[in-house]
Amino acid sequence: LGIRGLDYIIVGAGGAYWSAQAAGCMPRT
């Protein structure tokens, strides 16, 4: 579609989160 996904984040408890970008897991497209 020409819309770039910059990150994929999972929010947990107490401010904890996982970021695909920070983890180096964003697919190259």
mmCIF file of all heavy atoms, coordinates in Angstrom:
data_MODEL
# 
_entry.id   MODEL 
# 
loop_
_atom_site.group_PDB 
_atom_site.id 
_atom_site.type_symbol 
_atom_site.label_atom_id 
_atom_site.label_alt_id 
_atom_site.label_comp_id 
_atom_site.label_asym_id 
_atom_site.label_entity_id 
_atom_site.label_seq_id 
_atom_site.pdbx_PDB_ins_code 
_atom_site.Cartn_x 
_atom_site.Cartn_y 
_atom_site.Cartn_z 
_atom_site.occupancy 
_atom_site.B_iso_or_equiv 
_atom_site.pdbx_formal_charge 
_atom_site.auth_seq_id 
_atom_site.auth_comp_id 
_atom_site.auth_asym_id 
_atom_site.auth_atom_id 
_atom_site.pdbx_PDB_model_num 
ATOM 1   N N   . LEU A 1 1  ? 0.807  -1.221 0.000  1.00 0.00 ? 1  LEU A N   1 
ATOM 2   C CA  . LEU A 1 1  ? 0.000  0.000  0.000  1.00 0.00 ? 1  LEU A CA  1 
ATOM 3   C C   . LEU A 1 1  ? 0.844  1.276  0.000  1.00 0.00 ? 1  LEU A C   1 
ATOM 4   O O   . LEU A 1 1  ? 0.309  2.364  -0.169 1.00 0.00 ? 1  LEU A O   1 
ATOM 5   C CB  . LEU A 1 1  ? -0.922 0.015  1.218  1.00 0.00 ? 1  LEU A CB  1 
ATOM 6   C CG  . LEU A 1 1  ? -2.015 -1.038 1.224  1.00 0.00 ? 1  LEU A CG  1 
ATOM 7   C CD1 . LEU A 1 1  ? -2.695 -1.090 2.589  1.00 0.00 ? 1  LEU A CD1 1 
ATOM 8   C CD2 . LEU A 1 1  ? -3.027 -0.754 0.132  1.00 0.00 ? 1  LEU A CD2 1 
ATOM 9   N N   . GLY A 1 2  ? 2.138  1.139  0.232  1.00 0.00 ? 2  GLY A N   1 
ATOM 10  C CA  . GLY A 1 2  ? 2.994  2.318  0.313  1.00 0.00 ? 2  GLY A CA  1 
ATOM 11  C C   . GLY A 1 2  ? 2.872  3.034  1.646  1.00 0.00 ? 2  GLY A C   1 
ATOM 12  O O   . GLY A 1 2  ? 3.112  4.233  1.744  1.00 0.00 ? 2  GLY A O   1 
ATOM 13  N N   . ILE A 1 3  ? 2.514  2.307  2.685  1.00 0.00 ? 3  ILE A N   1 
ATOM 14  C CA  . ILE A 1 3  ? 2.430  2.861  4.037  1.00 0.00 ? 3  ILE A CA  1 
ATOM 15  C C   . ILE A 1 3  ? 3.425  2.085  4.893  1.00 0.00 ? 3  ILE A C   1 
ATOM 16  O O   . ILE A 1 3  ? 3.276  0.882  5.096  1.00 0.00 ? 3  ILE A O   1 
ATOM 17  C CB  . ILE A 1 3  ? 1.007  2.744  4.616  1.00 0.00 ? 3  ILE A CB  1 
ATOM 18  C CG1 . ILE A 1 3  ? 0.016  3.513  3.727  1.00 0.00 ? 3  ILE A CG1 1 
ATOM 19  C CG2 . ILE A 1 3  ? 0.975  3.254  6.057  1.00 0.00 ? 3  ILE A CG2 1 
ATOM 20  C CD1 . ILE A 1 3  ? -1.430 3.302  4.084  1.00 0.00 ? 3  ILE A CD1 1 
ATOM 21  N N   . ARG A 1 4  ? 4.413  2.776  5.361  1.00 0.00 ? 4  ARG A N   1 
ATOM 22  C CA  . ARG A 1 4  ? 5.513  2.127  6.073  1.00 0.00 ? 4  ARG A CA  1 
ATOM 23  C C   . ARG A 1 4  ? 5.174  1.902  7.544  1.00 0.00 ? 4  ARG A C   1 
ATOM 24  O O   . ARG A 1 4  ? 4.766  2.825  8.249  1.00 0.00 ? 4  ARG A O   1 
ATOM 25  C CB  . ARG A 1 4  ? 6.756  3.000  5.957  1.00 0.00 ? 4  ARG A CB  1 
ATOM 26  C CG  . ARG A 1 4  ? 7.974  2.382  6.537  1.00 0.00 ? 4  ARG A CG  1 
ATOM 27  C CD  . ARG A 1 4  ? 9.184  3.212  6.221  1.00 0.00 ? 4  ARG A CD  1 
ATOM 28  N NE  . ARG A 1 4  ? 10.328 2.695  6.939  1.00 0.00 ? 4  ARG A NE  1 
ATOM 29  C CZ  . ARG A 1 4  ? 11.363 3.402  7.265  1.00 0.00 ? 4  ARG A CZ  1 
ATOM 30  N NH1 . ARG A 1 4  ? 11.433 4.674  6.905  1.00 0.00 ? 4  ARG A NH1 1 
ATOM 31  N NH2 . ARG A 1 4  ? 12.349 2.864  7.924  1.00 0.00 ? 4  ARG A NH2 1 
ATOM 32  N N   . GLY A 1 5  ? 5.344  0.673  7.984  1.00 0.00 ? 5  GLY A N   1 
ATOM 33  C CA  . GLY A 1 5  ? 5.217  0.348  9.406  1.00 0.00 ? 5  GLY A CA  1 
ATOM 34  C C   . GLY A 1 5  ? 6.530  0.682  10.091 1.00 0.00 ? 5  GLY A C   1 
ATOM 35  O O   . GLY A 1 5  ? 7.556  0.072  9.798  1.00 0.00 ? 5  GLY A O   1 
ATOM 36  N N   . LEU A 1 6  ? 6.523  1.665  10.977 1.00 0.00 ? 6  LEU A N   1 
ATOM 37  C CA  . LEU A 1 6  ? 7.744  2.096  11.637 1.00 0.00 ? 6  LEU A CA  1 
ATOM 38  C C   . LEU A 1 6  ? 8.094  1.244  12.843 1.00 0.00 ? 6  LEU A C   1 
ATOM 39  O O   . LEU A 1 6  ? 9.256  1.088  13.180 1.00 0.00 ? 6  LEU A O   1 
ATOM 40  C CB  . LEU A 1 6  ? 7.631  3.561  12.071 1.00 0.00 ? 6  LEU A CB  1 
ATOM 41  C CG  . LEU A 1 6  ? 7.393  4.578  10.961 1.00 0.00 ? 6  LEU A CG  1 
ATOM 42  C CD1 . LEU A 1 6  ? 7.225  5.963  11.559 1.00 0.00 ? 6  LEU A CD1 1 
ATOM 43  C CD2 . LEU A 1 6  ? 8.533  4.543  9.951  1.00 0.00 ? 6  LEU A CD2 1 
ATOM 44  N N   . ASP A 1 7  ? 7.071  0.714  13.515 1.00 0.00 ? 7  ASP A N   1 
ATOM 45  C CA  . ASP A 1 7  ? 7.326  -0.089 14.703 1.00 0.00 ? 7  ASP A CA  1 
ATOM 46  C C   . ASP A 1 7  ? 6.086  -0.912 15.013 1.00 0.00 ? 7  ASP A C   1 
ATOM 47  O O   . ASP A 1 7  ? 4.984  -0.620 14.541 1.00 0.00 ? 7  ASP A O   1 
ATOM 48  C CB  . ASP A 1 7  ? 7.684  0.796  15.894 1.00 0.00 ? 7  ASP A CB  1 
ATOM 49  C CG  . ASP A 1 7  ? 8.519  0.097  16.965 1.00 0.00 ? 7  ASP A CG  1 
ATOM 50  O OD1 . ASP A 1 7  ? 8.662  -1.152 16.915 1.00 0.00 ? 7  ASP A OD1 1 
ATOM 51  O OD2 . ASP A 1 7  ? 9.035  0.795  17.849 1.00 0.00 ? 7  ASP A OD2 1 
ATOM 52  N N   . TYR A 1 8  ? 6.308  -1.930 15.814 1.00 0.00 ? 8  TYR A N   1 
ATOM 53  C CA  . TYR A 1 8  ? 5.247  -2.786 16.326 1.00 0.00 ? 8  TYR A CA  1 
ATOM 54  C C   . TYR A 1 8  ? 5.544  -2.927 17.810 1.00 0.00 ? 8  TYR A C   1 
ATOM 55  O O   . TYR A 1 8  ? 6.619  -3.415 18.181 1.00 0.00 ? 8  TYR A O   1 
ATOM 56  C CB  . TYR A 1 8  ? 5.290  -4.137 15.607 1.00 0.00 ? 8  TYR A CB  1 
ATOM 57  C CG  . TYR A 1 8  ? 4.240  -5.106 16.045 1.00 0.00 ? 8  TYR A CG  1 
ATOM 58  C CD1 . TYR A 1 8  ? 2.953  -5.038 15.530 1.00 0.00 ? 8  TYR A CD1 1 
ATOM 59  C CD2 . TYR A 1 8  ? 4.523  -6.090 16.979 1.00 0.00 ? 8  TYR A CD2 1 
ATOM 60  C CE1 . TYR A 1 8  ? 1.982  -5.927 15.936 1.00 0.00 ? 8  TYR A CE1 1 
ATOM 61  C CE2 . TYR A 1 8  ? 3.560  -6.980 17.384 1.00 0.00 ? 8  TYR A CE2 1 
ATOM 62  C CZ  . TYR A 1 8  ? 2.292  -6.897 16.863 1.00 0.00 ? 8  TYR A CZ  1 
ATOM 63  O OH  . TYR A 1 8  ? 1.331  -7.781 17.272 1.00 0.00 ? 8  TYR A OH  1 
ATOM 64  N N   . ILE A 1 9  ? 4.660  -2.444 18.644 1.00 0.00 ? 9  ILE A N   1 
ATOM 65  C CA  . ILE A 1 9  ? 4.915  -2.359 20.081 1.00 0.00 ? 9  ILE A CA  1 
ATOM 66  C C   . ILE A 1 9  ? 3.916  -3.212 20.843 1.00 0.00 ? 9  ILE A C   1 
ATOM 67  O O   . ILE A 1 9  ? 2.731  -3.245 20.508 1.00 0.00 ? 9  ILE A O   1 
ATOM 68  C CB  . ILE A 1 9  ? 4.833  -0.886 20.540 1.00 0.00 ? 9  ILE A CB  1 
ATOM 69  C CG1 . ILE A 1 9  ? 6.015  -0.118 19.922 1.00 0.00 ? 9  ILE A CG1 1 
ATOM 70  C CG2 . ILE A 1 9  ? 4.822  -0.767 22.057 1.00 0.00 ? 9  ILE A CG2 1 
ATOM 71  C CD1 . ILE A 1 9  ? 5.992  1.359  20.154 1.00 0.00 ? 9  ILE A CD1 1 
ATOM 72  N N   . ILE A 1 10 ? 4.415  -3.877 21.873 1.00 0.00 ? 10 ILE A N   1 
ATOM 73  C CA  . ILE A 1 10 ? 3.543  -4.616 22.791 1.00 0.00 ? 10 ILE A CA  1 
ATOM 74  C C   . ILE A 1 10 ? 3.685  -3.948 24.153 1.00 0.00 ? 10 ILE A C   1 
ATOM 75  O O   . ILE A 1 10 ? 4.795  -3.786 24.668 1.00 0.00 ? 10 ILE A O   1 
ATOM 76  C CB  . ILE A 1 10 ? 3.915  -6.105 22.880 1.00 0.00 ? 10 ILE A CB  1 
ATOM 77  C CG1 . ILE A 1 10 ? 3.812  -6.751 21.492 1.00 0.00 ? 10 ILE A CG1 1 
ATOM 78  C CG2 . ILE A 1 10 ? 3.012  -6.819 23.885 1.00 0.00 ? 10 ILE A CG2 1 
ATOM 79  C CD1 . ILE A 1 10 ? 4.329  -8.178 21.434 1.00 0.00 ? 10 ILE A CD1 1 
ATOM 80  N N   . VAL A 1 11 ? 2.555  -3.537 24.710 1.00 0.00 ? 11 VAL A N   1 
ATOM 81  C CA  . VAL A 1 11 ? 2.514  -2.842 25.990 1.00 0.00 ? 11 VAL A CA  1 
ATOM 82  C C   . VAL A 1 11 ? 2.212  -3.854 27.092 1.00 0.00 ? 11 VAL A C   1 
ATOM 83  O O   . VAL A 1 11 ? 1.286  -4.653 26.962 1.00 0.00 ? 11 VAL A O   1 
ATOM 84  C CB  . VAL A 1 11 ? 1.421  -1.744 25.970 1.00 0.00 ? 11 VAL A CB  1 
ATOM 85  C CG1 . VAL A 1 11 ? 1.270  -1.094 27.329 1.00 0.00 ? 11 VAL A CG1 1 
ATOM 86  C CG2 . VAL A 1 11 ? 1.732  -0.716 24.893 1.00 0.00 ? 11 VAL A CG2 1 
ATOM 87  N N   . GLY A 1 12 ? 3.013  -3.802 28.148 1.00 0.00 ? 12 GLY A N   1 
ATOM 88  C CA  . GLY A 1 12 ? 2.797  -4.663 29.306 1.00 0.00 ? 12 GLY A CA  1 
ATOM 89  C C   . GLY A 1 12 ? 2.411  -3.837 30.522 1.00 0.00 ? 12 GLY A C   1 
ATOM 90  O O   . GLY A 1 12 ? 1.893  -2.734 30.399 1.00 0.00 ? 12 GLY A O   1 
ATOM 91  N N   . ALA A 1 13 ? 2.708  -4.357 31.688 1.00 0.00 ? 13 ALA A N   1 
ATOM 92  C CA  . ALA A 1 13 ? 2.359  -3.692 32.945 1.00 0.00 ? 13 ALA A CA  1 
ATOM 93  C C   . ALA A 1 13 ? 3.478  -2.762 33.403 1.00 0.00 ? 13 ALA A C   1 
ATOM 94  O O   . ALA A 1 13 ? 4.648  -2.984 33.097 1.00 0.00 ? 13 ALA A O   1 
ATOM 95  C CB  . ALA A 1 13 ? 2.085  -4.736 34.027 1.00 0.00 ? 13 ALA A CB  1 
ATOM 96  N N   . GLY A 1 14 ? 3.100  -1.726 34.143 1.00 0.00 ? 14 GLY A N   1 
ATOM 97  C CA  . GLY A 1 14 ? 4.075  -0.863 34.792 1.00 0.00 ? 14 GLY A CA  1 
ATOM 98  C C   . GLY A 1 14 ? 5.028  -0.146 33.853 1.00 0.00 ? 14 GLY A C   1 
ATOM 99  O O   . GLY A 1 14 ? 6.182  0.101  34.208 1.00 0.00 ? 14 GLY A O   1 
ATOM 100 N N   . GLY A 1 15 ? 4.577  0.162  32.648 1.00 0.00 ? 15 GLY A N   1 
ATOM 101 C CA  . GLY A 1 15 ? 5.435  0.865  31.698 1.00 0.00 ? 15 GLY A CA  1 
ATOM 102 C C   . GLY A 1 15 ? 6.331  -0.044 30.882 1.00 0.00 ? 15 GLY A C   1 
ATOM 103 O O   . GLY A 1 15 ? 7.101  0.429  30.045 1.00 0.00 ? 15 GLY A O   1 
ATOM 104 N N   . ALA A 1 16 ? 6.262  -1.355 31.118 1.00 0.00 ? 16 ALA A N   1 
ATOM 105 C CA  . ALA A 1 16 ? 7.081  -2.290 30.334 1.00 0.00 ? 16 ALA A CA  1 
ATOM 106 C C   . ALA A 1 16 ? 6.529  -2.379 28.915 1.00 0.00 ? 16 ALA A C   1 
ATOM 107 O O   . ALA A 1 16 ? 5.316  -2.327 28.705 1.00 0.00 ? 16 ALA A O   1 
ATOM 108 C CB  . ALA A 1 16 ? 7.068  -3.676 30.978 1.00 0.00 ? 16 ALA A CB  1 
ATOM 109 N N   . TYR A 1 17 ? 7.420  -2.491 27.945 1.00 0.00 ? 17 TYR A N   1 
ATOM 110 C CA  . TYR A 1 17 ? 6.995  -2.646 26.555 1.00 0.00 ? 17 TYR A CA  1 
ATOM 111 C C   . TYR A 1 17 ? 8.072  -3.368 25.765 1.00 0.00 ? 17 TYR A C   1 
ATOM 112 O O   . TYR A 1 17 ? 9.232  -3.445 26.174 1.00 0.00 ? 17 TYR A O   1 
ATOM 113 C CB  . TYR A 1 17 ? 6.676  -1.289 25.905 1.00 0.00 ? 17 TYR A CB  1 
ATOM 114 C CG  . TYR A 1 17 ? 7.877  -0.404 25.657 1.00 0.00 ? 17 TYR A CG  1 
ATOM 115 C CD1 . TYR A 1 17 ? 8.556  -0.445 24.435 1.00 0.00 ? 17 TYR A CD1 1 
ATOM 116 C CD2 . TYR A 1 17 ? 8.346  0.470  26.627 1.00 0.00 ? 17 TYR A CD2 1 
ATOM 117 C CE1 . TYR A 1 17 ? 9.664  0.357  24.205 1.00 0.00 ? 17 TYR A CE1 1 
ATOM 118 C CE2 . TYR A 1 17 ? 9.439  1.279  26.399 1.00 0.00 ? 17 TYR A CE2 1 
ATOM 119 C CZ  . TYR A 1 17 ? 10.098 1.226  25.192 1.00 0.00 ? 17 TYR A CZ  1 
ATOM 120 O OH  . TYR A 1 17 ? 11.191 2.013  24.956 1.00 0.00 ? 17 TYR A OH  1 
ATOM 121 N N   . TRP A 1 18 ? 7.658  -3.901 24.633 1.00 0.00 ? 18 TRP A N   1 
ATOM 122 C CA  . TRP A 1 18 ? 8.575  -4.500 23.664 1.00 0.00 ? 18 TRP A CA  1 
ATOM 123 C C   . TRP A 1 18 ? 8.378  -3.760 22.352 1.00 0.00 ? 18 TRP A C   1 
ATOM 124 O O   . TRP A 1 18 ? 7.241  -3.512 21.941 1.00 0.00 ? 18 TRP A O   1 
ATOM 125 C CB  . TRP A 1 18 ? 8.276  -5.986 23.483 1.00 0.00 ? 18 TRP A CB  1 
ATOM 126 C CG  . TRP A 1 18 ? 9.165  -6.656 22.473 1.00 0.00 ? 18 TRP A CG  1 
ATOM 127 C CD1 . TRP A 1 18 ? 10.405 -7.181 22.689 1.00 0.00 ? 18 TRP A CD1 1 
ATOM 128 C CD2 . TRP A 1 18 ? 8.880  -6.875 21.083 1.00 0.00 ? 18 TRP A CD2 1 
ATOM 129 N NE1 . TRP A 1 18 ? 10.907 -7.697 21.527 1.00 0.00 ? 18 TRP A NE1 1 
ATOM 130 C CE2 . TRP A 1 18 ? 9.991  -7.526 20.518 1.00 0.00 ? 18 TRP A CE2 1 
ATOM 131 C CE3 . TRP A 1 18 ? 7.794  -6.577 20.267 1.00 0.00 ? 18 TRP A CE3 1 
ATOM 132 C CZ2 . TRP A 1 18 ? 10.046 -7.891 19.183 1.00 0.00 ? 18 TRP A CZ2 1 
ATOM 133 C CZ3 . TRP A 1 18 ? 7.847  -6.929 18.933 1.00 0.00 ? 18 TRP A CZ3 1 
ATOM 134 C CH2 . TRP A 1 18 ? 8.959  -7.585 18.405 1.00 0.00 ? 18 TRP A CH2 1 
ATOM 135 N N   . SER A 1 19 ? 9.483  -3.391 21.721 1.00 0.00 ? 19 SER A N   1 
ATOM 136 C CA  . SER A 1 19 ? 9.448  -2.688 20.449 1.00 0.00 ? 19 SER A CA  1 
ATOM 137 C C   . SER A 1 19 ? 10.191 -3.517 19.410 1.00 0.00 ? 19 SER A C   1 
ATOM 138 O O   . SER A 1 19 ? 11.365 -3.856 19.610 1.00 0.00 ? 19 SER A O   1 
ATOM 139 C CB  . SER A 1 19 ? 10.121 -1.316 20.598 1.00 0.00 ? 19 SER A CB  1 
ATOM 140 O OG  . SER A 1 19 ? 10.559 -0.823 19.357 1.00 0.00 ? 19 SER A OG  1 
ATOM 141 N N   . ALA A 1 20 ? 9.526  -3.821 18.304 1.00 0.00 ? 20 ALA A N   1 
ATOM 142 C CA  . ALA A 1 20 ? 10.183 -4.564 17.220 1.00 0.00 ? 20 ALA A CA  1 
ATOM 143 C C   . ALA A 1 20 ? 11.345 -3.761 16.647 1.00 0.00 ? 20 ALA A C   1 
ATOM 144 O O   . ALA A 1 20 ? 12.386 -4.323 16.310 1.00 0.00 ? 20 ALA A O   1 
ATOM 145 C CB  . ALA A 1 20 ? 9.170  -4.906 16.129 1.00 0.00 ? 20 ALA A CB  1 
ATOM 146 N N   . GLN A 1 21 ? 11.182 -2.447 16.549 1.00 0.00 ? 21 GLN A N   1 
ATOM 147 C CA  . GLN A 1 21 ? 12.259 -1.604 16.025 1.00 0.00 ? 21 GLN A CA  1 
ATOM 148 C C   . GLN A 1 21 ? 13.478 -1.667 16.944 1.00 0.00 ? 21 GLN A C   1 
ATOM 149 O O   . GLN A 1 21 ? 14.597 -1.891 16.490 1.00 0.00 ? 21 GLN A O   1 
ATOM 150 C CB  . GLN A 1 21 ? 11.788 -0.163 15.875 1.00 0.00 ? 21 GLN A CB  1 
ATOM 151 C CG  . GLN A 1 21 ? 12.863 0.767  15.333 1.00 0.00 ? 21 GLN A CG  1 
ATOM 152 C CD  . GLN A 1 21 ? 12.450 2.225  15.352 1.00 0.00 ? 21 GLN A CD  1 
ATOM 153 O OE1 . GLN A 1 21 ? 11.319 2.568  15.688 1.00 0.00 ? 21 GLN A OE1 1 
ATOM 154 N NE2 . GLN A 1 21 ? 13.363 3.086  14.997 1.00 0.00 ? 21 GLN A NE2 1 
ATOM 155 N N   . ALA A 1 22 ? 13.276 -1.478 18.241 1.00 0.00 ? 22 ALA A N   1 
ATOM 156 C CA  . ALA A 1 22 ? 14.382 -1.503 19.198 1.00 0.00 ? 22 ALA A CA  1 
ATOM 157 C C   . ALA A 1 22 ? 15.039 -2.880 19.263 1.00 0.00 ? 22 ALA A C   1 
ATOM 158 O O   . ALA A 1 22 ? 16.252 -2.988 19.465 1.00 0.00 ? 22 ALA A O   1 
ATOM 159 C CB  . ALA A 1 22 ? 13.895 -1.074 20.574 1.00 0.00 ? 22 ALA A CB  1 
ATOM 160 N N   . ALA A 1 23 ? 14.240 -3.928 19.068 1.00 0.00 ? 23 ALA A N   1 
ATOM 161 C CA  . ALA A 1 23 ? 14.767 -5.293 19.111 1.00 0.00 ? 23 ALA A CA  1 
ATOM 162 C C   . ALA A 1 23 ? 15.403 -5.726 17.793 1.00 0.00 ? 23 ALA A C   1 
ATOM 163 O O   . ALA A 1 23 ? 15.916 -6.836 17.681 1.00 0.00 ? 23 ALA A O   1 
ATOM 164 C CB  . ALA A 1 23 ? 13.645 -6.269 19.495 1.00 0.00 ? 23 ALA A CB  1 
ATOM 165 N N   . GLY A 1 24 ? 15.327 -4.865 16.768 1.00 0.00 ? 24 GLY A N   1 
ATOM 166 C CA  . GLY A 1 24 ? 15.885 -5.218 15.458 1.00 0.00 ? 24 GLY A CA  1 
ATOM 167 C C   . GLY A 1 24 ? 15.056 -6.249 14.719 1.00 0.00 ? 24 GLY A C   1 
ATOM 168 O O   . GLY A 1 24 ? 15.577 -6.977 13.880 1.00 0.00 ? 24 GLY A O   1 
ATOM 169 N N   . CYS A 1 25 ? 13.753 -6.291 15.007 1.00 0.00 ? 25 CYS A N   1 
ATOM 170 C CA  . CYS A 1 25 ? 12.876 -7.305 14.417 1.00 0.00 ? 25 CYS A CA  1 
ATOM 171 C C   . CYS A 1 25 ? 11.941 -6.775 13.354 1.00 0.00 ? 25 CYS A C   1 
ATOM 172 O O   . CYS A 1 25 ? 11.075 -7.512 12.883 1.00 0.00 ? 25 CYS A O   1 
ATOM 173 C CB  . CYS A 1 25 ? 12.032 -7.958 15.517 1.00 0.00 ? 25 CYS A CB  1 
ATOM 174 S SG  . CYS A 1 25 ? 12.988 -8.885 16.711 1.00 0.00 ? 25 CYS A SG  1 
ATOM 175 N N   . MET A 1 26 ? 12.063 -5.515 12.965 1.00 0.00 ? 26 MET A N   1 
ATOM 176 C CA  . MET A 1 26 ? 11.181 -4.989 11.921 1.00 0.00 ? 26 MET A CA  1 
ATOM 177 C C   . MET A 1 26 ? 11.548 -5.597 10.589 1.00 0.00 ? 26 MET A C   1 
ATOM 178 O O   . MET A 1 26 ? 12.717 -5.538 10.198 1.00 0.00 ? 26 MET A O   1 
ATOM 179 C CB  . MET A 1 26 ? 11.270 -3.458 11.843 1.00 0.00 ? 26 MET A CB  1 
ATOM 180 C CG  . MET A 1 26 ? 10.555 -2.726 12.954 1.00 0.00 ? 26 MET A CG  1 
ATOM 181 S SD  . MET A 1 26 ? 8.795  -3.085 13.095 1.00 0.00 ? 26 MET A SD  1 
ATOM 182 C CE  . MET A 1 26 ? 8.152  -2.390 11.603 1.00 0.00 ? 26 MET A CE  1 
ATOM 183 N N   . PRO A 1 27 ? 10.598 -6.212 9.900  1.00 0.00 ? 27 PRO A N   1 
ATOM 184 C CA  . PRO A 1 27 ? 10.884 -6.797 8.587  1.00 0.00 ? 27 PRO A CA  1 
ATOM 185 C C   . PRO A 1 27 ? 11.339 -5.716 7.611  1.00 0.00 ? 27 PRO A C   1 
ATOM 186 O O   . PRO A 1 27 ? 10.846 -4.595 7.636  1.00 0.00 ? 27 PRO A O   1 
ATOM 187 C CB  . PRO A 1 27 ? 9.556  -7.384 8.145  1.00 0.00 ? 27 PRO A CB  1 
ATOM 188 C CG  . PRO A 1 27 ? 8.750  -7.519 9.390  1.00 0.00 ? 27 PRO A CG  1 
ATOM 189 C CD  . PRO A 1 27 ? 9.221  -6.434 10.306 1.00 0.00 ? 27 PRO A CD  1 
ATOM 190 N N   . ARG A 1 28 ? 12.286 -6.066 6.756  1.00 0.00 ? 28 ARG A N   1 
ATOM 191 C CA  . ARG A 1 28 ? 12.735 -5.139 5.710  1.00 0.00 ? 28 ARG A CA  1 
ATOM 192 C C   . ARG A 1 28 ? 11.755 -5.215 4.550  1.00 0.00 ? 28 ARG A C   1 
ATOM 193 O O   . ARG A 1 28 ? 11.537 -6.271 3.994  1.00 0.00 ? 28 ARG A O   1 
ATOM 194 C CB  . ARG A 1 28 ? 14.133 -5.497 5.240  1.00 0.00 ? 28 ARG A CB  1 
ATOM 195 C CG  . ARG A 1 28 ? 15.176 -5.309 6.306  1.00 0.00 ? 28 ARG A CG  1 
ATOM 196 C CD  . ARG A 1 28 ? 16.567 -5.421 5.704  1.00 0.00 ? 28 ARG A CD  1 
ATOM 197 N NE  . ARG A 1 28 ? 17.585 -5.346 6.728  1.00 0.00 ? 28 ARG A NE  1 
ATOM 198 C CZ  . ARG A 1 28 ? 18.085 -4.203 7.183  1.00 0.00 ? 28 ARG A CZ  1 
ATOM 199 N NH1 . ARG A 1 28 ? 17.654 -3.065 6.719  1.00 0.00 ? 28 ARG A NH1 1 
ATOM 200 N NH2 . ARG A 1 28 ? 19.011 -4.207 8.124  1.00 0.00 ? 28 ARG A NH2 1 
ATOM 201 N N   . THR A 1 29 ? 11.165 -4.078 4.242  1.00 0.00 ? 29 THR A N   1 
ATOM 202 C CA  . THR A 1 29 ? 10.222 -4.007 3.121  1.00 0.00 ? 29 THR A CA  1 
ATOM 203 C C   . THR A 1 29 ? 10.527 -2.738 2.346  1.00 0.00 ? 29 THR A C   1 
ATOM 204 O O   . THR A 1 29 ? 11.112 -1.790 2.878  1.00 0.00 ? 29 THR A O   1 
ATOM 205 C CB  . THR A 1 29 ? 8.757  -3.945 3.613  1.00 0.00 ? 29 THR A CB  1 
ATOM 206 O OG1 . THR A 1 29 ? 8.607  -2.811 4.469  1.00 0.00 ? 29 THR A OG1 1 
ATOM 207 C CG2 . THR A 1 29 ? 8.356  -5.210 4.347  1.00 0.00 ? 29 THR A CG2 1 
# 
